[in-house]
C-alpha atoms as a PDB file:
ATOM      1  CA  MET A   1      53.808-101.289  14.072  1.00  0.00           C
ATOM      2  CA  THR A   2      56.311-102.782  11.688  1.00  0.00           C
ATOM      3  CA  GLN A   3      58.243-100.836   9.104  1.00  0.00           C
ATOM      4  CA  GLU A   4      56.277-102.361   6.248  1.00  0.00           C
ATOM      5  CA  GLN A   5      52.958-101.236   7.710  1.00  0.00           C
ATOM      6  CA  CYS A   6      54.219 -97.661   8.099  1.00  0.00           C
ATOM      7  CA  THR A   7      55.439 -97.591   4.536  1.00  0.00           C
ATOM      8  CA  HIS A   8      52.078 -98.852   3.251  1.00  0.00           C
ATOM      9  CA  ARG A   9      50.141 -96.198   5.198  1.00  0.00           C
ATOM     10  CA  ASN A  10      52.278 -93.376   3.868  1.00  0.00           C
ATOM     11  CA  ASN A  11      51.759 -94.596   0.355  1.00  0.00           C
ATOM     12  CA  VAL A  12      47.966 -94.672   0.832  1.00  0.00           C
ATOM     13  CA  GLN A  13      47.879 -91.112   2.200  1.00  0.00           C
ATOM     14  CA  SER A  14      50.048 -89.762  -0.593  1.00  0.00           C
ATOM     15  CA  SER A  15      47.862 -91.382  -3.229  1.00  0.00           C
ATOM     16  CA  GLU A  16      44.713 -89.523  -2.041  1.00  0.00           C
ATOM     17  CA  LYS A  17      44.047 -86.064  -3.716  1.00  0.00           C
ATOM     18  CA  PRO A  18      43.549 -83.042  -1.403  1.00  0.00           C
ATOM     19  CA  GLN A  19      40.016 -81.435  -1.385  1.00  0.00           C
ATOM     20  CA  VAL A  20      39.873 -77.757  -2.618  1.00  0.00           C
ATOM     21  CA  TYR A  21      36.963 -75.426  -1.481  1.00  0.00           C
ATOM     22  CA  LYS A  22      36.235 -72.471  -3.812  1.00  0.00           C
ATOM     23  CA  VAL A  23      35.516 -69.097  -2.128  1.00  0.00           C
ATOM     24  CA  GLY A  24      33.594 -66.306  -4.042  1.00  0.00           C
ATOM     25  CA  ILE A  25      30.711 -65.769  -6.500  1.00  0.00           C
ATOM     26  CA  TYR A  26      30.788 -67.661  -9.735  1.00  0.00           C
ATOM     27  CA  GLY A  27      28.523 -68.343 -12.617  1.00  0.00           C
ATOM     28  CA  TRP A  28      25.364 -66.336 -13.246  1.00  0.00           C
ATOM     29  CA  ARG A  29      25.589 -64.650  -9.822  1.00  0.00           C
ATOM     30  CA  LYS A  30      28.919 -63.117 -10.797  1.00  0.00           C
ATOM     31  CA  ARG A  31      27.527 -61.840 -14.087  1.00  0.00           C
ATOM     32  CA  CYS A  32      24.500 -60.276 -12.315  1.00  0.00           C
ATOM     33  CA  LEU A  33      26.789 -58.554  -9.807  1.00  0.00           C
ATOM     34  CA  TYR A  34      28.888 -57.037 -12.582  1.00  0.00           C
ATOM     35  CA  PHE A  35      25.720 -55.869 -14.349  1.00  0.00           C
ATOM     36  CA  PHE A  36      24.398 -54.096 -11.234  1.00  0.00           C
ATOM     37  CA  VAL A  37      27.777 -52.465 -10.578  1.00  0.00           C
ATOM     38  CA  LEU A  38      27.890 -51.212 -14.178  1.00  0.00           C
ATOM     39  CA  LEU A  39      24.304 -49.924 -13.932  1.00  0.00           C
ATOM     40  CA  LEU A  40      25.118 -48.109 -10.671  1.00  0.00           C
ATOM     41  CA  MET A  41      28.158 -46.451 -12.280  1.00  0.00           C
ATOM     42  CA  ILE A  42      25.999 -45.307 -15.225  1.00  0.00           C
ATOM     43  CA  LEU A  43      23.399 -43.804 -12.838  1.00  0.00           C
ATOM     44  CA  ILE A  44      26.128 -42.036 -10.888  1.00  0.00           C
ATOM     45  CA  LEU A  45      27.537 -40.525 -14.084  1.00  0.00           C
ATOM     46  CA  ILE A  46      24.064 -39.421 -15.231  1.00  0.00           C
ATOM     47  CA  ASN A  47      23.347 -37.868 -11.805  1.00  0.00           C
ATOM     48  CA  LEU A  48      26.692 -36.075 -11.827  1.00  0.00           C
ATOM     49  CA  ALA A  49      26.052 -34.741 -15.343  1.00  0.00           C
ATOM     50  CA  LEU A  50      22.564 -33.511 -14.394  1.00  0.00           C
ATOM     51  CA  THR A  51      23.940 -31.814 -11.265  1.00  0.00           C
ATOM     52  CA  ILE A  52      26.609 -30.014 -13.287  1.00  0.00           C
ATOM     53  CA  TRP A  53      24.002 -28.986 -15.872  1.00  0.00           C
ATOM     54  CA  ILE A  54      21.652 -27.596 -13.168  1.00  0.00           C
ATOM     55  CA  LEU A  55      24.519 -25.680 -11.569  1.00  0.00           C
ATOM     56  CA  LYS A  56      25.423 -24.251 -14.958  1.00  0.00           C
ATOM     57  CA  VAL A  57      21.880 -23.294 -15.937  1.00  0.00           C
ATOM     58  CA  MET A  58      20.923 -21.834 -12.546  1.00  0.00           C
ATOM     59  CA  ASN A  59      24.256 -20.027 -12.356  1.00  0.00           C
ATOM     60  CA  PHE A  60      25.126 -21.272  -8.891  1.00  0.00           C
ATOM     61  CA  THR A  61      28.118 -19.533  -7.367  1.00  0.00           C
ATOM     62  CA  ILE A  62      29.609 -19.105  -3.931  1.00  0.00           C
ATOM     63  CA  ASP A  63      27.708 -15.801  -3.504  1.00  0.00           C
ATOM     64  CA  GLY A  64      24.289 -17.056  -4.586  1.00  0.00           C
ATOM     65  CA  MET A  65      22.202 -18.290  -7.497  1.00  0.00           C
ATOM     66  CA  GLY A  66      21.536 -16.430 -10.728  1.00  0.00           C
ATOM     67  CA  SER A  67      20.268 -12.914 -10.010  1.00  0.00           C
ATOM     68  CA  LEU A  68      20.053 -13.772  -6.324  1.00  0.00           C
ATOM     69  CA  ARG A  69      23.077 -12.858  -4.218  1.00  0.00           C
ATOM     70  CA  ILE A  70      23.612 -13.525  -0.524  1.00  0.00           C
ATOM     71  CA  THR A  71      25.161 -10.567   1.290  1.00  0.00           C
ATOM     72  CA  GLU A  72      25.816  -9.671   4.903  1.00  0.00           C
ATOM     73  CA  LYS A  73      22.629  -7.548   5.016  1.00  0.00           C
ATOM     74  CA  GLY A  74      20.359 -10.131   3.380  1.00  0.00           C
ATOM     75  CA  LEU A  75      19.425 -11.143  -0.151  1.00  0.00           C
ATOM     76  CA  LYS A  76      20.122  -9.061  -3.250  1.00  0.00           C
ATOM     77  CA  LEU A  77      18.152  -9.460  -6.479  1.00  0.00           C
ATOM     78  CA  GLU A  78      19.367  -8.057  -9.787  1.00  0.00           C
ATOM     79  CA  GLY A  79      17.141  -7.701 -12.843  1.00  0.00           C
ATOM     80  CA  ASP A  80      13.537  -8.866 -13.177  1.00  0.00           C
ATOM     81  CA  SER A  81      12.243 -11.322 -10.572  1.00  0.00           C
ATOM     82  CA  GLU A  82       8.933 -13.161 -10.390  1.00  0.00           C
ATOM     83  CA  PHE A  83       7.284 -14.334  -7.147  1.00  0.00           C
ATOM     84  CA  LEU A  84       4.576 -16.990  -7.444  1.00  0.00           C
ATOM     85  CA  GLU A  85       3.804 -17.105  -3.718  1.00  0.00           C
ATOM     86  CA  PRO A  86       3.512 -14.405  -0.992  1.00  0.00           C
ATOM     87  CA  LEU A  87       6.745 -12.577  -0.215  1.00  0.00           C
ATOM     88  CA  TYR A  88       7.666 -11.960   3.427  1.00  0.00           C
ATOM     89  CA  ALA A  89      10.473  -9.481   4.036  1.00  0.00           C
ATOM     90  CA  LYS A  90      11.527  -6.996   6.679  1.00  0.00           C
ATOM     91  CA  GLU A  91      12.737  -4.404   4.169  1.00  0.00           C
ATOM     92  CA  ILE A  92      12.710  -4.055   0.364  1.00  0.00           C
ATOM     93  CA  GLN A  93      14.795  -1.360  -1.317  1.00  0.00           C
ATOM     94  CA  SER A  94      16.340  -0.707  -4.704  1.00  0.00           C
ATOM     95  CA  LYS A  95      19.912   0.086  -5.590  1.00  0.00           C
ATOM     96  CA  PRO A  96      21.007   3.672  -4.897  1.00  0.00           C
ATOM     97  CA  GLY A  97      19.800   5.892  -7.735  1.00  0.00           C
ATOM     98  CA  ARG A  98      17.633   3.155  -9.299  1.00  0.00           C
ATOM     99  CA  PRO A  99      13.818   2.923  -9.157  1.00  0.00           C
ATOM    100  CA  LEU A 100      11.909   0.039  -7.565  1.00  0.00           C
ATOM    101  CA  PHE A 101       9.339  -1.359 -10.008  1.00  0.00           C
ATOM    102  CA  LEU A 102       6.491  -3.662  -8.898  1.00  0.00           C
ATOM    103  CA  GLN A 103       4.190  -5.267 -11.482  1.00  0.00           C
ATOM    104  CA  SER A 104       1.279  -7.673 -11.161  1.00  0.00           C
ATOM    105  CA  SER A 105      -1.323  -9.029 -13.565  1.00  0.00           C
ATOM    106  CA  ARG A 106      -4.061  -8.644 -10.916  1.00  0.00           C
ATOM    107  CA  ASN A 107      -3.233  -6.517  -7.898  1.00  0.00           C
ATOM    108  CA  ILE A 108      -0.534  -5.670  -5.391  1.00  0.00           C
ATOM    109  CA  SER A 109      -1.537  -5.949  -1.736  1.00  0.00           C
ATOM    110  CA  VAL A 110       0.401  -4.778   1.301  1.00  0.00           C
ATOM    111  CA  ASN A 111      -1.006  -6.071   4.599  1.00  0.00           C
ATOM    112  CA  ILE A 112       0.026  -5.161   8.147  1.00  0.00           C
ATOM    113  CA  VAL A 113      -1.025  -7.706  10.777  1.00  0.00           C
ATOM    114  CA  ASN A 114      -0.499  -8.066  14.520  1.00  0.00           C
ATOM    115  CA  SER A 115       0.844 -11.003  16.501  1.00  0.00           C
ATOM    116  CA  ASN A 116      -2.547 -12.751  16.218  1.00  0.00           C
ATOM    117  CA  ASN A 117      -2.477 -12.430  12.416  1.00  0.00           C
ATOM    118  CA  GLN A 118      -5.338  -9.902  12.500  1.00  0.00           C
ATOM    119  CA  LEU A 119      -5.389  -7.314   9.721  1.00  0.00           C
ATOM    120  CA  LEU A 120      -4.552  -3.791  10.908  1.00  0.00           C
ATOM    121  CA  THR A 121      -3.659  -1.866   7.750  1.00  0.00           C
ATOM    122  CA  GLN A 122      -4.121  -2.806   4.114  1.00  0.00           C
ATOM    123  CA  LEU A 123      -3.030  -1.193   0.858  1.00  0.00           C
ATOM    124  CA  VAL A 124      -4.410  -2.638  -2.395  1.00  0.00           C
ATOM    125  CA  THR A 125      -3.750  -1.438  -5.929  1.00  0.00           C
ATOM    126  CA  GLY A 126      -5.607  -3.232  -8.705  1.00  0.00           C
ATOM    127  CA  SER A 127      -7.477  -2.846 -11.943  1.00  0.00           C
ATOM    128  CA  SER A 128     -10.540  -1.482 -10.120  1.00  0.00           C
ATOM    129  CA  GLY A 129      -8.621   1.286  -8.344  1.00  0.00           C
ATOM    130  CA  PHE A 130      -6.598   2.121  -5.265  1.00  0.00           C
ATOM    131  CA  LYS A 131      -7.842   1.125  -1.813  1.00  0.00           C
ATOM    132  CA  ALA A 132      -6.411   1.904   1.617  1.00  0.00           C
ATOM    133  CA  ARG A 133      -7.697   0.562   4.909  1.00  0.00           C
ATOM    134  CA  GLY A 134      -6.524   1.655   8.326  1.00  0.00           C
ATOM    135  CA  LYS A 135      -7.227   3.775  11.382  1.00  0.00           C
ATOM    136  CA  MET A 136      -5.666   6.890   9.802  1.00  0.00           C
ATOM    137  CA  PHE A 137      -4.525   8.078   6.388  1.00  0.00           C
ATOM    138  CA  GLU A 138      -1.987  10.917   6.086  1.00  0.00           C
ATOM    139  CA  VAL A 139      -0.258  12.706   3.228  1.00  0.00           C
ATOM    140  CA  LYS A 140       2.770  14.873   4.042  1.00  0.00           C
ATOM    141  CA  SER A 141       5.128  17.019   2.002  1.00  0.00           C
ATOM    142  CA  THR A 142       8.866  16.447   1.718  1.00  0.00           C
ATOM    143  CA  SER A 143       9.392  18.905   4.565  1.00  0.00           C
ATOM    144  CA  GLY A 144       7.036  16.958   6.843  1.00  0.00           C
ATOM    145  CA  LYS A 145       4.085  19.383   6.607  1.00  0.00           C
ATOM    146  CA  LEU A 146       0.677  17.751   6.841  1.00  0.00           C
ATOM    147  CA  LEU A 147      -1.226  18.122   3.558  1.00  0.00           C
ATOM    148  CA  PHE A 148      -4.137  15.738   4.101  1.00  0.00           C
ATOM    149  CA  SER A 149      -5.311  13.401   6.849  1.00  0.00           C
ATOM    150  CA  ALA A 150      -8.440  11.367   7.418  1.00  0.00           C
ATOM    151  CA  ASP A 151      -9.768   9.181  10.211  1.00  0.00           C
ATOM    152  CA  GLU A 152     -13.144   8.176  11.640  1.00  0.00           C
ATOM    153  CA  GLN A 153     -13.622  11.568  13.315  1.00  0.00           C
ATOM    154  CA  GLU A 154     -12.529  14.146  10.738  1.00  0.00           C
ATOM    155  CA  VAL A 155     -10.841  14.932   7.449  1.00  0.00           C
ATOM    156  CA  VAL A 156      -8.169  17.636   7.566  1.00  0.00           C
ATOM    157  CA  VAL A 157      -6.746  19.511   4.582  1.00  0.00           C
ATOM    158  CA  GLY A 158      -3.497  21.189   5.577  1.00  0.00           C
ATOM    159  CA  ALA A 159      -2.625  22.779   2.239  1.00  0.00           C
ATOM    160  CA  GLU A 160      -2.807  26.546   1.914  1.00  0.00           C
ATOM    161  CA  ARG A 161      -5.241  26.251  -0.978  1.00  0.00           C
ATOM    162  CA  LEU A 162      -7.871  23.640  -1.863  1.00  0.00           C
ATOM    163  CA  ARG A 163      -8.806  23.547  -5.541  1.00  0.00           C
ATOM    164  CA  VAL A 164     -11.515  21.330  -7.025  1.00  0.00           C
ATOM    165  CA  MET A 165     -11.439  20.927 -10.790  1.00  0.00           C
ATOM    166  CA  GLY A 166     -13.629  19.100 -13.279  1.00  0.00           C
ATOM    167  CA  GLU A 167     -14.268  18.874 -16.987  1.00  0.00           C
ATOM    168  CA  CYS A 168     -14.050  22.124 -19.008  1.00  0.00           C
ATOM    169  CA  PRO A 169     -15.502  24.665 -18.879  1.00  0.00           C
ATOM    170  CA  ALA A 170     -16.678  23.910 -15.314  1.00  0.00           C
ATOM    171  CA  PRO A 171     -17.195  20.937 -12.989  1.00  0.00           C
ATOM    172  CA  LYS A 172     -20.472  19.124 -13.292  1.00  0.00           C
ATOM    173  CA  GLY A 173     -21.206  19.668  -9.635  1.00  0.00           C
ATOM    174  CA  ILE A 174     -19.896  19.424  -6.093  1.00  0.00           C
ATOM    175  CA  GLN A 175     -22.070  18.311  -3.214  1.00  0.00           C
ATOM    176  CA  ILE A 176     -21.184  18.677   0.472  1.00  0.00           C
ATOM    177  CA  LEU A 177     -23.611  16.713   2.632  1.00  0.00           C
ATOM    178  CA  ALA A 178     -23.745  16.156   6.387  1.00  0.00           C
ATOM    179  CA  GLU A 179     -26.696  13.867   7.068  1.00  0.00           C
ATOM    180  CA  ALA A 180     -26.259  13.618  10.843  1.00  0.00           C
ATOM    181  CA  GLY A 181     -24.395  16.767  11.844  1.00  0.00           C
ATOM    182  CA  ASP A 182     -23.380  20.336  11.092  1.00  0.00           C
ATOM    183  CA  ILE A 183     -21.096  21.880   8.486  1.00  0.00           C
ATOM    184  CA  GLN A 184     -18.831  24.669   9.716  1.00  0.00           C
ATOM    185  CA  ALA A 185     -16.664  26.938   7.596  1.00  0.00           C
ATOM    186  CA  ILE A 186     -14.279  29.060   9.691  1.00  0.00           C
ATOM    187  CA  CYS A 187     -11.573  31.364   8.375  1.00  0.00           C
ATOM    188  CA  ARG A 188      -9.357  34.104   9.763  1.00  0.00           C
ATOM    189  CA  ASN A 189     -10.008  36.808   7.149  1.00  0.00           C
ATOM    190  CA  GLU A 190     -12.733  36.613   4.500  1.00  0.00           C
ATOM    191  CA  LEU A 191     -15.108  33.847   3.452  1.00  0.00           C
ATOM    192  CA  ARG A 192     -16.213  34.371  -0.130  1.00  0.00           C
ATOM    193  CA  LEU A 193     -19.058  32.651  -1.971  1.00  0.00           C
ATOM    194  CA  GLU A 194     -19.190  33.443  -5.668  1.00  0.00           C
ATOM    195  CA  SER A 195     -21.332  32.118  -8.498  1.00  0.00           C
ATOM    196  CA  LYS A 196     -20.442  33.462 -11.930  1.00  0.00           C
ATOM    197  CA  ASP A 197     -23.371  32.171 -13.984  1.00  0.00           C
ATOM    198  CA  GLY A 198     -25.932  31.142 -11.364  1.00  0.00           C
ATOM    199  CA  GLU A 199     -27.204  32.159  -7.962  1.00  0.00           C
ATOM    200  CA  ILE A 200     -26.494  31.457  -4.303  1.00  0.00           C
ATOM    201  CA  SER A 201     -29.500  30.038  -2.447  1.00  0.00           C
ATOM    202  CA  LEU A 202     -29.913  29.836   1.316  1.00  0.00           C
ATOM    203  CA  ASP A 203     -32.772  27.445   2.086  1.00  0.00           C
ATOM    204  CA  ALA A 204     -33.553  27.016   5.775  1.00  0.00           C
ATOM    205  CA  ARG A 205     -36.319  27.617   8.297  1.00  0.00           C
ATOM    206  CA  ARG A 206     -34.176  30.206  10.041  1.00  0.00           C
ATOM    207  CA  ILE A 207     -31.252  32.232   8.675  1.00  0.00           C
ATOM    208  CA  ARG A 208     -29.130  34.102  11.222  1.00  0.00           C
ATOM    209  CA  LEU A 209     -26.711  36.862  10.232  1.00  0.00           C
ATOM    210  CA  MET A 210     -24.682  37.659  13.308  1.00  0.00           C
ATOM    211  CA  ARG A 211     -23.021  40.998  14.188  1.00  0.00           C
ATOM    212  CA  LEU A 212     -24.220  42.997  11.174  1.00  0.00           C
ATOM    213  CA  PRO A 213     -23.421  46.715  11.390  1.00  0.00           C
ATOM    214  CA  GLU A 214     -26.318  49.078  11.937  1.00  0.00           C
ATOM    215  CA  GLY A 215     -26.771  52.021   9.672  1.00  0.00           C
ATOM    216  CA  LYS A 216     -27.463  55.394  11.265  1.00  0.00           C
ATOM    217  CA  ALA A 217     -30.170  57.633   9.834  1.00  0.00           C
ATOM    218  CA  SER A 218     -29.909  61.411   9.744  1.00  0.00           C
ATOM    219  CA  THR A 219     -31.347  63.439  12.673  1.00  0.00           C
ATOM    220  CA  SER A 220     -34.162  64.908  10.621  1.00  0.00           C
ATOM    221  CA  SER A 221     -35.403  61.535   9.423  1.00  0.00           C
ATOM    222  CA  SER A 222     -34.925  59.622  12.687  1.00  0.00           C
ATOM    223  CA  SER A 223     -37.976  59.013  14.797  1.00  0.00           C
ATOM    224  CA  SER A 224     -38.172  60.360  18.326  1.00  0.00           C
ATOM    225  CA  GLY A 225     -40.168  57.423  19.678  1.00  0.00           C
ATOM    226  CA  THR A 226     -39.071  54.414  21.732  1.00  0.00           C
ATOM    227  CA  ARG A 227     -36.097  52.187  20.912  1.00  0.00           C
ATOM    228  CA  GLN A 228     -36.572  50.389  17.607  1.00  0.00           C
ATOM    229  CA  THR A 229     -36.583  46.550  17.743  1.00  0.00           C
ATOM    230  CA  VAL A 230     -37.478  45.825  14.115  1.00  0.00           C
ATOM    231  CA  TYR A 231     -34.792  46.203  11.483  1.00  0.00           C
ATOM    232  CA  GLU A 232     -34.472  45.884   7.747  1.00  0.00           C
ATOM    233  CA  VAL A 233     -31.586  44.015   6.103  1.00  0.00           C
ATOM    234  CA  CYS A 234     -29.986  46.176   3.430  1.00  0.00           C
ATOM    235  CA  VAL A 235     -27.315  45.536   0.825  1.00  0.00           C
ATOM    236  CA  CYS A 236     -24.683  48.026  -0.292  1.00  0.00           C
ATOM    237  CA  PRO A 237     -23.620  48.203  -3.965  1.00  0.00           C
ATOM    238  CA  ASN A 238     -20.375  46.426  -3.011  1.00  0.00           C
ATOM    239  CA  GLY A 239     -22.345  43.556  -1.451  1.00  0.00           C
ATOM    240  CA  ARG A 240     -21.957  44.534   2.202  1.00  0.00           C
ATOM    241  CA  LEU A 241     -24.945  43.827   4.444  1.00  0.00           C
ATOM    242  CA  PHE A 242     -26.157  46.158   7.192  1.00  0.00           C
ATOM    243  CA  LEU A 243     -29.209  46.753   9.329  1.00  0.00           C
ATOM    244  CA  SER A 244     -31.511  49.731   9.121  1.00  0.00           C
ATOM    245  CA  GLN A 245     -34.397  50.652  11.424  1.00  0.00           C
ATOM    246  CA  ALA A 246     -37.608  49.524   9.815  1.00  0.00           C
ATOM    247  CA  GLY A 247     -40.222  52.051   8.884  1.00  0.00           C
ATOM    248  CA  THR A 248     -43.364  52.307   6.849  1.00  0.00           C
ATOM    249  CA  GLY A 249     -41.147  52.101   3.769  1.00  0.00           C
ATOM    250  CA  SER A 250     -37.595  51.070   3.009  1.00  0.00           C
ATOM    251  CA  THR A 251     -35.012  52.958   5.054  1.00  0.00           C
ATOM    252  CA  CYS A 252     -31.895  51.549   3.361  1.00  0.00           C
ATOM    253  CA  GLN A 253     -31.219  54.750   1.415  1.00  0.00           C
ATOM    254  CA  ILE A 254     -31.546  56.849   4.536  1.00  0.00           C
ATOM    255  CA  SER A 255     -29.117  54.726   6.603  1.00  0.00           C
ATOM    256  CA  ASN A 256     -26.552  53.885   3.937  1.00  0.00           C
ATOM    257  CA  ASN A 257     -23.635  55.537   5.721  1.00  0.00           C
ATOM    258  CA  VAL A 258     -22.174  52.050   6.244  1.00  0.00           C
ATOM    259  CA  CYS A 259     -21.602  51.751   2.485  1.00  0.00           C
ATOM    260  CA  LEU A 260     -19.357  54.831   2.422  1.00  0.00           C
END
């Protein structure tokens, strides 16, 4: 190649403009990207403001939320609390020296279930009354003495005195009924039945008075026949009952030495 040809080629290459390739987003795409970035920043600021507002309103702290505090022993509630769903807890207690107050617009139910979720014991307090369901019901004093217990077999009153009261001046009535069994009243000393304004009625096909004392008649008025098997039931002025050998007439006056 001659020198003139080389010079001509260099001049041709230098006269050509270099090609430039643009890298990036331009035009309407760039404007849309900036719009979405600005919208995202606005949403982040709104979310951050709402989070701070919720934390402020709900009183979130390191120890808990509002009246709810998280302690080593569990959860601690201060003030009035409302539960819209069932509450499951191992133990509920108030602060030392403060009462525990439970309130419901309908009823308060306490249920004890087994591992199969079968009801064992139930305690319900509502507008219709107080109901308890279980195998046994017991009431004890502060010293642990049994005052009252009830189960399917018997009802036991452990208090020293049972008093039944009604409207003044006297109760309307008390009925003790055993439709399929007996009624037994057993005491160590005296069993007293008293009716101030009415009477005491014993209505049965057979009335048995066991171990009544027998009055002894004087020698002059006693008969010298065989052993007497028929007796008369007599009543002393103080109400004591005794037996007297029956005769053609009443022998209570003759054998009233038991009343002395």
